[in-house]
Structure formats: structure tokens, C-alpha cells
């Protein structure tokens, strides 16, 4: 009954690359789910 959203903690530079490419690069410091 709770809404859960996955997240990644990624380097800012990889975030910028993903933003420009509109796809996931696949590198992150950590991954998880916020509920």
C-alpha cells in the first residue's frame, strides 16, 4: 500500500551524460528504493 520509487546515487557528471543521452549509463555509487 505504499508507493515505492527506485533511485540511484550517481556522480554528477554521469547524471549530465544520462540527461543528454536520455538513457541509463549504468554507473552509480549506490541504488535503492524509497517507500
ModelCIF file with pLDDT and N, C-alpha, C, O atoms, coordinates in Angstrom:
data_MODEL
#
_entry.id   MODEL 
#
_entity.id                         1 
_entity.type                       polymer 
_entity.pdbx_number_of_molecules   1 
#
_entity_poly.entity_id                      1 
_entity_poly.type                           'polypeptide(L)' 
_entity_poly.nstd_linkage                   no 
_entity_poly.nstd_monomer                   no 
_entity_poly.pdbx_seq_one_letter_code       
;(UNK)(UNK)(UNK)(UNK)(UNK)(UNK)(UNK)(UNK)(UNK)(UNK)(UNK)(UNK)(UNK)(UNK)(UNK)(UNK)
(UNK)(UNK)(UNK)(UNK)(UNK)(UNK)(UNK)(UNK)(UNK)(UNK)(UNK)(UNK)(UNK)(UNK)(UNK)(UNK)
(UNK)(UNK)(UNK)
;
_entity_poly.pdbx_seq_one_letter_code_can   XXXXXXXXXXXXXXXXXXXXXXXXXXXXXXXXXXX 
_entity_poly.pdbx_strand_id                 A 
#
loop_
_entity_poly_seq.entity_id 
_entity_poly_seq.num 
_entity_poly_seq.mon_id 
_entity_poly_seq.hetero 
1 1  UNK n 
1 2  UNK n 
1 3  UNK n 
1 4  UNK n 
1 5  UNK n 
1 6  UNK n 
1 7  UNK n 
1 8  UNK n 
1 9  UNK n 
1 10 UNK n 
1 11 UNK n 
1 12 UNK n 
1 13 UNK n 
1 14 UNK n 
1 15 UNK n 
1 16 UNK n 
1 17 UNK n 
1 18 UNK n 
1 19 UNK n 
1 20 UNK n 
1 21 UNK n 
1 22 UNK n 
1 23 UNK n 
1 24 UNK n 
1 25 UNK n 
1 26 UNK n 
1 27 UNK n 
1 28 UNK n 
1 29 UNK n 
1 30 UNK n 
1 31 UNK n 
1 32 UNK n 
1 33 UNK n 
1 34 UNK n 
1 35 UNK n 
#
_struct_asym.id          A 
_struct_asym.entity_id   1 
#
loop_
_ma_qa_metric.id 
_ma_qa_metric.mode 
_ma_qa_metric.name 
_ma_qa_metric.software_group_id 
_ma_qa_metric.type 
1 global pLDDT . pLDDT 
2 local  pLDDT . pLDDT 
#
_ma_qa_metric_global.metric_id      1 
_ma_qa_metric_global.metric_value   87.77 
_ma_qa_metric_global.model_id       1 
_ma_qa_metric_global.ordinal_id     1 
#
loop_
_ma_qa_metric_local.label_asym_id 
_ma_qa_metric_local.label_comp_id 
_ma_qa_metric_local.label_seq_id 
_ma_qa_metric_local.metric_id 
_ma_qa_metric_local.metric_value 
_ma_qa_metric_local.model_id 
_ma_qa_metric_local.ordinal_id 
A UNK 1  2 85.00 1 1  
A UNK 2  2 88.00 1 2  
A UNK 3  2 87.00 1 3  
A UNK 4  2 88.00 1 4  
A UNK 5  2 86.00 1 5  
A UNK 6  2 88.00 1 6  
A UNK 7  2 89.00 1 7  
A UNK 8  2 89.00 1 8  
A UNK 9  2 93.00 1 9  
A UNK 10 2 91.00 1 10 
A UNK 11 2 93.00 1 11 
A UNK 12 2 93.00 1 12 
A UNK 13 2 91.00 1 13 
A UNK 14 2 89.00 1 14 
A UNK 15 2 89.00 1 15 
A UNK 16 2 89.00 1 16 
A UNK 17 2 89.00 1 17 
A UNK 18 2 85.00 1 18 
A UNK 19 2 86.00 1 19 
A UNK 20 2 89.00 1 20 
A UNK 21 2 87.00 1 21 
A UNK 22 2 83.00 1 22 
A UNK 23 2 83.00 1 23 
A UNK 24 2 82.00 1 24 
A UNK 25 2 83.00 1 25 
A UNK 26 2 82.00 1 26 
A UNK 27 2 86.00 1 27 
A UNK 28 2 88.00 1 28 
A UNK 29 2 91.00 1 29 
A UNK 30 2 91.00 1 30 
A UNK 31 2 90.00 1 31 
A UNK 32 2 90.00 1 32 
A UNK 33 2 88.00 1 33 
A UNK 34 2 86.00 1 34 
A UNK 35 2 85.00 1 35 
#
loop_
_atom_site.group_PDB 
_atom_site.id 
_atom_site.type_symbol 
_atom_site.label_atom_id 
_atom_site.label_alt_id 
_atom_site.label_comp_id 
_atom_site.label_asym_id 
_atom_site.label_entity_id 
_atom_site.label_seq_id 
_atom_site.pdbx_PDB_ins_code 
_atom_site.Cartn_x 
_atom_site.Cartn_y 
_atom_site.Cartn_z 
_atom_site.occupancy 
_atom_site.B_iso_or_equiv 
_atom_site.pdbx_formal_charge 
_atom_site.auth_seq_id 
_atom_site.auth_comp_id 
_atom_site.auth_asym_id 
_atom_site.auth_atom_id 
_atom_site.pdbx_PDB_model_num 
ATOM 1   N N  . UNK A 1 1  ? 0.784  -1.225 0.000   1.00 85.00 ? 1  UNK A N  1 
ATOM 2   C CA . UNK A 1 1  ? 0.000  0.000  0.000   1.00 85.00 ? 1  UNK A CA 1 
ATOM 3   C C  . UNK A 1 1  ? 0.818  1.279  0.000   1.00 85.00 ? 1  UNK A C  1 
ATOM 4   O O  . UNK A 1 1  ? 0.254  2.369  0.093   1.00 85.00 ? 1  UNK A O  1 
ATOM 5   N N  . UNK A 1 2  ? 2.117  1.168  -0.101  1.00 88.00 ? 2  UNK A N  1 
ATOM 6   C CA . UNK A 1 2  ? 2.982  2.355  -0.145  1.00 88.00 ? 2  UNK A CA 1 
ATOM 7   C C  . UNK A 1 2  ? 3.574  2.487  -1.539  1.00 88.00 ? 2  UNK A C  1 
ATOM 8   O O  . UNK A 1 2  ? 3.875  1.495  -2.203  1.00 88.00 ? 2  UNK A O  1 
ATOM 9   N N  . UNK A 1 3  ? 3.733  3.733  -1.968  1.00 87.00 ? 3  UNK A N  1 
ATOM 10  C CA . UNK A 1 3  ? 4.336  3.994  -3.273  1.00 87.00 ? 3  UNK A CA 1 
ATOM 11  C C  . UNK A 1 3  ? 5.856  3.969  -3.125  1.00 87.00 ? 3  UNK A C  1 
ATOM 12  O O  . UNK A 1 3  ? 6.415  4.711  -2.318  1.00 87.00 ? 3  UNK A O  1 
ATOM 13  N N  . UNK A 1 4  ? 6.514  3.127  -3.892  1.00 88.00 ? 4  UNK A N  1 
ATOM 14  C CA . UNK A 1 4  ? 7.971  2.991  -3.825  1.00 88.00 ? 4  UNK A CA 1 
ATOM 15  C C  . UNK A 1 4  ? 8.585  3.423  -5.156  1.00 88.00 ? 4  UNK A C  1 
ATOM 16  O O  . UNK A 1 4  ? 8.094  3.072  -6.229  1.00 88.00 ? 4  UNK A O  1 
ATOM 17  N N  . UNK A 1 5  ? 9.654  4.180  -5.061  1.00 86.00 ? 5  UNK A N  1 
ATOM 18  C CA . UNK A 1 5  ? 10.349 4.689  -6.239  1.00 86.00 ? 5  UNK A CA 1 
ATOM 19  C C  . UNK A 1 5  ? 11.820 4.307  -6.162  1.00 86.00 ? 5  UNK A C  1 
ATOM 20  O O  . UNK A 1 5  ? 12.484 4.608  -5.170  1.00 86.00 ? 5  UNK A O  1 
ATOM 21  N N  . UNK A 1 6  ? 12.341 3.647  -7.198  1.00 88.00 ? 6  UNK A N  1 
ATOM 22  C CA . UNK A 1 6  ? 13.773 3.334  -7.195  1.00 88.00 ? 6  UNK A CA 1 
ATOM 23  C C  . UNK A 1 6  ? 14.606 4.601  -7.411  1.00 88.00 ? 6  UNK A C  1 
ATOM 24  O O  . UNK A 1 6  ? 14.148 5.568  -8.020  1.00 88.00 ? 6  UNK A O  1 
ATOM 25  N N  . UNK A 1 7  ? 15.821 4.572  -6.905  1.00 89.00 ? 7  UNK A N  1 
ATOM 26  C CA . UNK A 1 7  ? 16.728 5.709  -7.076  1.00 89.00 ? 7  UNK A CA 1 
ATOM 27  C C  . UNK A 1 7  ? 18.152 5.211  -7.219  1.00 89.00 ? 7  UNK A C  1 
ATOM 28  O O  . UNK A 1 7  ? 18.471 4.076  -6.866  1.00 89.00 ? 7  UNK A O  1 
ATOM 29  N N  . UNK A 1 8  ? 18.997 6.074  -7.737  1.00 89.00 ? 8  UNK A N  1 
ATOM 30  C CA . UNK A 1 8  ? 20.436 5.843  -7.811  1.00 89.00 ? 8  UNK A CA 1 
ATOM 31  C C  . UNK A 1 8  ? 21.146 7.071  -7.265  1.00 89.00 ? 8  UNK A C  1 
ATOM 32  O O  . UNK A 1 8  ? 20.682 8.197  -7.445  1.00 89.00 ? 8  UNK A O  1 
ATOM 33  N N  . UNK A 1 9  ? 22.256 6.854  -6.606  1.00 93.00 ? 9  UNK A N  1 
ATOM 34  C CA . UNK A 1 9  ? 23.154 7.944  -6.250  1.00 93.00 ? 9  UNK A CA 1 
ATOM 35  C C  . UNK A 1 9  ? 24.324 7.813  -7.221  1.00 93.00 ? 9  UNK A C  1 
ATOM 36  O O  . UNK A 1 9  ? 25.167 6.923  -7.102  1.00 93.00 ? 9  UNK A O  1 
ATOM 37  N N  . UNK A 1 10 ? 24.343 8.720  -8.170  1.00 91.00 ? 10 UNK A N  1 
ATOM 38  C CA . UNK A 1 10 ? 25.309 8.660  -9.263  1.00 91.00 ? 10 UNK A CA 1 
ATOM 39  C C  . UNK A 1 10 ? 26.185 9.902  -9.259  1.00 91.00 ? 10 UNK A C  1 
ATOM 40  O O  . UNK A 1 10 ? 25.787 10.937 -8.725  1.00 91.00 ? 10 UNK A O  1 
ATOM 41  N N  . UNK A 1 11 ? 27.369 9.813  -9.845  1.00 93.00 ? 11 UNK A N  1 
ATOM 42  C CA . UNK A 1 11 ? 28.200 11.007 -9.980  1.00 93.00 ? 11 UNK A CA 1 
ATOM 43  C C  . UNK A 1 11 ? 27.493 12.055 -10.848 1.00 93.00 ? 11 UNK A C  1 
ATOM 44  O O  . UNK A 1 11 ? 26.784 11.714 -11.795 1.00 93.00 ? 11 UNK A O  1 
ATOM 45  N N  . UNK A 1 12 ? 27.694 13.315 -10.517 1.00 93.00 ? 12 UNK A N  1 
ATOM 46  C CA . UNK A 1 12 ? 27.025 14.399 -11.225 1.00 93.00 ? 12 UNK A CA 1 
ATOM 47  C C  . UNK A 1 12 ? 27.356 14.387 -12.713 1.00 93.00 ? 12 UNK A C  1 
ATOM 48  O O  . UNK A 1 12 ? 26.493 14.679 -13.541 1.00 93.00 ? 12 UNK A O  1 
ATOM 49  N N  . UNK A 1 13 ? 28.566 14.059 -13.052 1.00 91.00 ? 13 UNK A N  1 
ATOM 50  C CA . UNK A 1 13 ? 28.961 14.003 -14.457 1.00 91.00 ? 13 UNK A CA 1 
ATOM 51  C C  . UNK A 1 13 ? 28.212 12.928 -15.227 1.00 91.00 ? 13 UNK A C  1 
ATOM 52  O O  . UNK A 1 13 ? 27.829 13.148 -16.376 1.00 91.00 ? 13 UNK A O  1 
ATOM 53  N N  . UNK A 1 14 ? 27.996 11.767 -14.613 1.00 89.00 ? 14 UNK A N  1 
ATOM 54  C CA . UNK A 1 14 ? 27.226 10.712 -15.261 1.00 89.00 ? 14 UNK A CA 1 
ATOM 55  C C  . UNK A 1 14 ? 25.756 11.111 -15.363 1.00 89.00 ? 14 UNK A C  1 
ATOM 56  O O  . UNK A 1 14 ? 25.083 10.767 -16.335 1.00 89.00 ? 14 UNK A O  1 
ATOM 57  N N  . UNK A 1 15 ? 25.256 11.838 -14.357 1.00 89.00 ? 15 UNK A N  1 
ATOM 58  C CA . UNK A 1 15 ? 23.889 12.364 -14.434 1.00 89.00 ? 15 UNK A CA 1 
ATOM 59  C C  . UNK A 1 15 ? 23.743 13.266 -15.655 1.00 89.00 ? 15 UNK A C  1 
ATOM 60  O O  . UNK A 1 15 ? 22.753 13.181 -16.382 1.00 89.00 ? 15 UNK A O  1 
ATOM 61  N N  . UNK A 1 16 ? 24.724 14.121 -15.876 1.00 89.00 ? 16 UNK A N  1 
ATOM 62  C CA . UNK A 1 16 ? 24.692 15.023 -17.026 1.00 89.00 ? 16 UNK A CA 1 
ATOM 63  C C  . UNK A 1 16 ? 24.728 14.238 -18.339 1.00 89.00 ? 16 UNK A C  1 
ATOM 64  O O  . UNK A 1 16 ? 24.007 14.573 -19.279 1.00 89.00 ? 16 UNK A O  1 
ATOM 65  N N  . UNK A 1 17 ? 25.548 13.216 -18.409 1.00 89.00 ? 17 UNK A N  1 
ATOM 66  C CA . UNK A 1 17 ? 25.609 12.373 -19.606 1.00 89.00 ? 17 UNK A CA 1 
ATOM 67  C C  . UNK A 1 17 ? 24.265 11.675 -19.837 1.00 89.00 ? 17 UNK A C  1 
ATOM 68  O O  . UNK A 1 17 ? 23.769 11.637 -20.963 1.00 89.00 ? 17 UNK A O  1 
ATOM 69  N N  . UNK A 1 18 ? 23.669 11.117 -18.755 1.00 85.00 ? 18 UNK A N  1 
ATOM 70  C CA . UNK A 1 18 ? 22.370 10.464 -18.878 1.00 85.00 ? 18 UNK A CA 1 
ATOM 71  C C  . UNK A 1 18 ? 21.290 11.452 -19.301 1.00 85.00 ? 18 UNK A C  1 
ATOM 72  O O  . UNK A 1 18 ? 20.399 11.104 -20.077 1.00 85.00 ? 18 UNK A O  1 
ATOM 73  N N  . UNK A 1 19 ? 21.363 12.680 -18.796 1.00 86.00 ? 19 UNK A N  1 
ATOM 74  C CA . UNK A 1 19 ? 20.393 13.706 -19.162 1.00 86.00 ? 19 UNK A CA 1 
ATOM 75  C C  . UNK A 1 19 ? 20.480 14.023 -20.651 1.00 86.00 ? 19 UNK A C  1 
ATOM 76  O O  . UNK A 1 19 ? 19.454 14.154 -21.319 1.00 86.00 ? 19 UNK A O  1 
ATOM 77  N N  . UNK A 1 20 ? 21.675 14.146 -21.163 1.00 89.00 ? 20 UNK A N  1 
ATOM 78  C CA . UNK A 1 20 ? 21.860 14.467 -22.575 1.00 89.00 ? 20 UNK A CA 1 
ATOM 79  C C  . UNK A 1 20 ? 21.497 13.298 -23.490 1.00 89.00 ? 20 UNK A C  1 
ATOM 80  O O  . UNK A 1 20 ? 20.956 13.505 -24.577 1.00 89.00 ? 20 UNK A O  1 
ATOM 81  N N  . UNK A 1 21 ? 21.795 12.062 -23.051 1.00 87.00 ? 21 UNK A N  1 
ATOM 82  C CA . UNK A 1 21 ? 21.517 10.883 -23.873 1.00 87.00 ? 21 UNK A CA 1 
ATOM 83  C C  . UNK A 1 21 ? 20.110 10.335 -23.668 1.00 87.00 ? 21 UNK A C  1 
ATOM 84  O O  . UNK A 1 21 ? 19.636 9.549  -24.488 1.00 87.00 ? 21 UNK A O  1 
ATOM 85  N N  . UNK A 1 22 ? 19.434 10.729 -22.597 1.00 83.00 ? 22 UNK A N  1 
ATOM 86  C CA . UNK A 1 22 ? 18.089 10.237 -22.254 1.00 83.00 ? 22 UNK A CA 1 
ATOM 87  C C  . UNK A 1 22 ? 18.061 8.721  -22.075 1.00 83.00 ? 22 UNK A C  1 
ATOM 88  O O  . UNK A 1 22 ? 17.074 8.071  -22.418 1.00 83.00 ? 22 UNK A O  1 
ATOM 89  N N  . UNK A 1 23 ? 19.139 8.160  -21.540 1.00 83.00 ? 23 UNK A N  1 
ATOM 90  C CA . UNK A 1 23 ? 19.191 6.731  -21.249 1.00 83.00 ? 23 UNK A CA 1 
ATOM 91  C C  . UNK A 1 23 ? 20.131 6.503  -20.071 1.00 83.00 ? 23 UNK A C  1 
ATOM 92  O O  . UNK A 1 23 ? 20.880 7.396  -19.674 1.00 83.00 ? 23 UNK A O  1 
ATOM 93  N N  . UNK A 1 24 ? 20.080 5.302  -19.522 1.00 82.00 ? 24 UNK A N  1 
ATOM 94  C CA . UNK A 1 24 ? 20.888 4.965  -18.353 1.00 82.00 ? 24 UNK A CA 1 
ATOM 95  C C  . UNK A 1 24 ? 22.275 4.522  -18.779 1.00 82.00 ? 24 UNK A C  1 
ATOM 96  O O  . UNK A 1 24 ? 22.422 3.656  -19.641 1.00 82.00 ? 24 UNK A O  1 
ATOM 97  N N  . UNK A 1 25 ? 23.302 5.126  -18.166 1.00 83.00 ? 25 UNK A N  1 
ATOM 98  C CA . UNK A 1 25 ? 24.686 4.760  -18.442 1.00 83.00 ? 25 UNK A CA 1 
ATOM 99  C C  . UNK A 1 25 ? 25.059 3.492  -17.680 1.00 83.00 ? 25 UNK A C  1 
ATOM 100 O O  . UNK A 1 25 ? 25.855 2.688  -18.165 1.00 83.00 ? 25 UNK A O  1 
ATOM 101 N N  . UNK A 1 26 ? 24.492 3.312  -16.498 1.00 82.00 ? 26 UNK A N  1 
ATOM 102 C CA . UNK A 1 26 ? 24.719 2.092  -15.742 1.00 82.00 ? 26 UNK A CA 1 
ATOM 103 C C  . UNK A 1 26 ? 25.785 2.192  -14.670 1.00 82.00 ? 26 UNK A C  1 
ATOM 104 O O  . UNK A 1 26 ? 26.190 1.166  -14.123 1.00 82.00 ? 26 UNK A O  1 
ATOM 105 N N  . UNK A 1 27 ? 26.252 3.381  -14.352 1.00 86.00 ? 27 UNK A N  1 
ATOM 106 C CA . UNK A 1 27 ? 27.233 3.549  -13.289 1.00 86.00 ? 27 UNK A CA 1 
ATOM 107 C C  . UNK A 1 27 ? 26.604 4.347  -12.167 1.00 86.00 ? 27 UNK A C  1 
ATOM 108 O O  . UNK A 1 27 ? 26.050 5.421  -12.403 1.00 86.00 ? 27 UNK A O  1 
ATOM 109 N N  . UNK A 1 28 ? 26.682 3.833  -10.938 1.00 88.00 ? 28 UNK A N  1 
ATOM 110 C CA . UNK A 1 28 ? 26.128 4.536  -9.784  1.00 88.00 ? 28 UNK A CA 1 
ATOM 111 C C  . UNK A 1 28 ? 26.910 4.145  -8.536  1.00 88.00 ? 28 UNK A C  1 
ATOM 112 O O  . UNK A 1 28 ? 27.453 3.044  -8.445  1.00 88.00 ? 28 UNK A O  1 
ATOM 113 N N  . UNK A 1 29 ? 26.958 5.069  -7.576  1.00 91.00 ? 29 UNK A N  1 
ATOM 114 C CA . UNK A 1 29 ? 27.598 4.761  -6.298  1.00 91.00 ? 29 UNK A CA 1 
ATOM 115 C C  . UNK A 1 29 ? 26.752 3.775  -5.516  1.00 91.00 ? 29 UNK A C  1 
ATOM 116 O O  . UNK A 1 29 ? 27.281 2.844  -4.910  1.00 91.00 ? 29 UNK A O  1 
ATOM 117 N N  . UNK A 1 30 ? 25.429 3.975  -5.525  1.00 91.00 ? 30 UNK A N  1 
ATOM 118 C CA . UNK A 1 30 ? 24.524 3.052  -4.837  1.00 91.00 ? 30 UNK A CA 1 
ATOM 119 C C  . UNK A 1 30 ? 23.149 3.127  -5.478  1.00 91.00 ? 30 UNK A C  1 
ATOM 120 O O  . UNK A 1 30 ? 22.825 4.071  -6.199  1.00 91.00 ? 30 UNK A O  1 
ATOM 121 N N  . UNK A 1 31 ? 22.349 2.102  -5.195  1.00 90.00 ? 31 UNK A N  1 
ATOM 122 C CA . UNK A 1 31 ? 20.980 2.019  -5.699  1.00 90.00 ? 31 UNK A CA 1 
ATOM 123 C C  . UNK A 1 31 ? 20.085 1.581  -4.559  1.00 90.00 ? 31 UNK A C  1 
ATOM 124 O O  . UNK A 1 31 ? 20.533 0.917  -3.623  1.00 90.00 ? 31 UNK A O  1 
ATOM 125 N N  . UNK A 1 32 ? 18.817 1.954  -4.641  1.00 90.00 ? 32 UNK A N  1 
ATOM 126 C CA . UNK A 1 32 ? 17.886 1.565  -3.602  1.00 90.00 ? 32 UNK A CA 1 
ATOM 127 C C  . UNK A 1 32 ? 16.465 1.936  -3.980  1.00 90.00 ? 32 UNK A C  1 
ATOM 128 O O  . UNK A 1 32 ? 16.182 2.304  -5.120  1.00 90.00 ? 32 UNK A O  1 
ATOM 129 N N  . UNK A 1 33 ? 15.571 1.833  -2.998  1.00 88.00 ? 33 UNK A N  1 
ATOM 130 C CA . UNK A 1 33 ? 14.171 2.144  -3.190  1.00 88.00 ? 33 UNK A CA 1 
ATOM 131 C C  . UNK A 1 33 ? 13.680 2.979  -2.028  1.00 88.00 ? 33 UNK A C  1 
ATOM 132 O O  . UNK A 1 33 ? 13.897 2.631  -0.868  1.00 88.00 ? 33 UNK A O  1 
ATOM 133 N N  . UNK A 1 34 ? 13.012 4.094  -2.344  1.00 86.00 ? 34 UNK A N  1 
ATOM 134 C CA . UNK A 1 34 ? 12.374 4.931  -1.332  1.00 86.00 ? 34 UNK A CA 1 
ATOM 135 C C  . UNK A 1 34 ? 10.892 4.581  -1.279  1.00 86.00 ? 34 UNK A C  1 
ATOM 136 O O  . UNK A 1 34 ? 10.200 4.588  -2.297  1.00 86.00 ? 34 UNK A O  1 
ATOM 137 N N  . UNK A 1 35 ? 10.416 4.274  -0.063  1.00 85.00 ? 35 UNK A N  1 
ATOM 138 C CA . UNK A 1 35 ? 8.992  3.977  0.116   1.00 85.00 ? 35 UNK A CA 1 
ATOM 139 C C  . UNK A 1 35 ? 8.369  4.981  1.073   1.00 85.00 ? 35 UNK A C  1 
ATOM 140 O O  . UNK A 1 35 ? 7.173  4.904  1.357   1.00 85.00 ? 35 UNK A O  1 
#
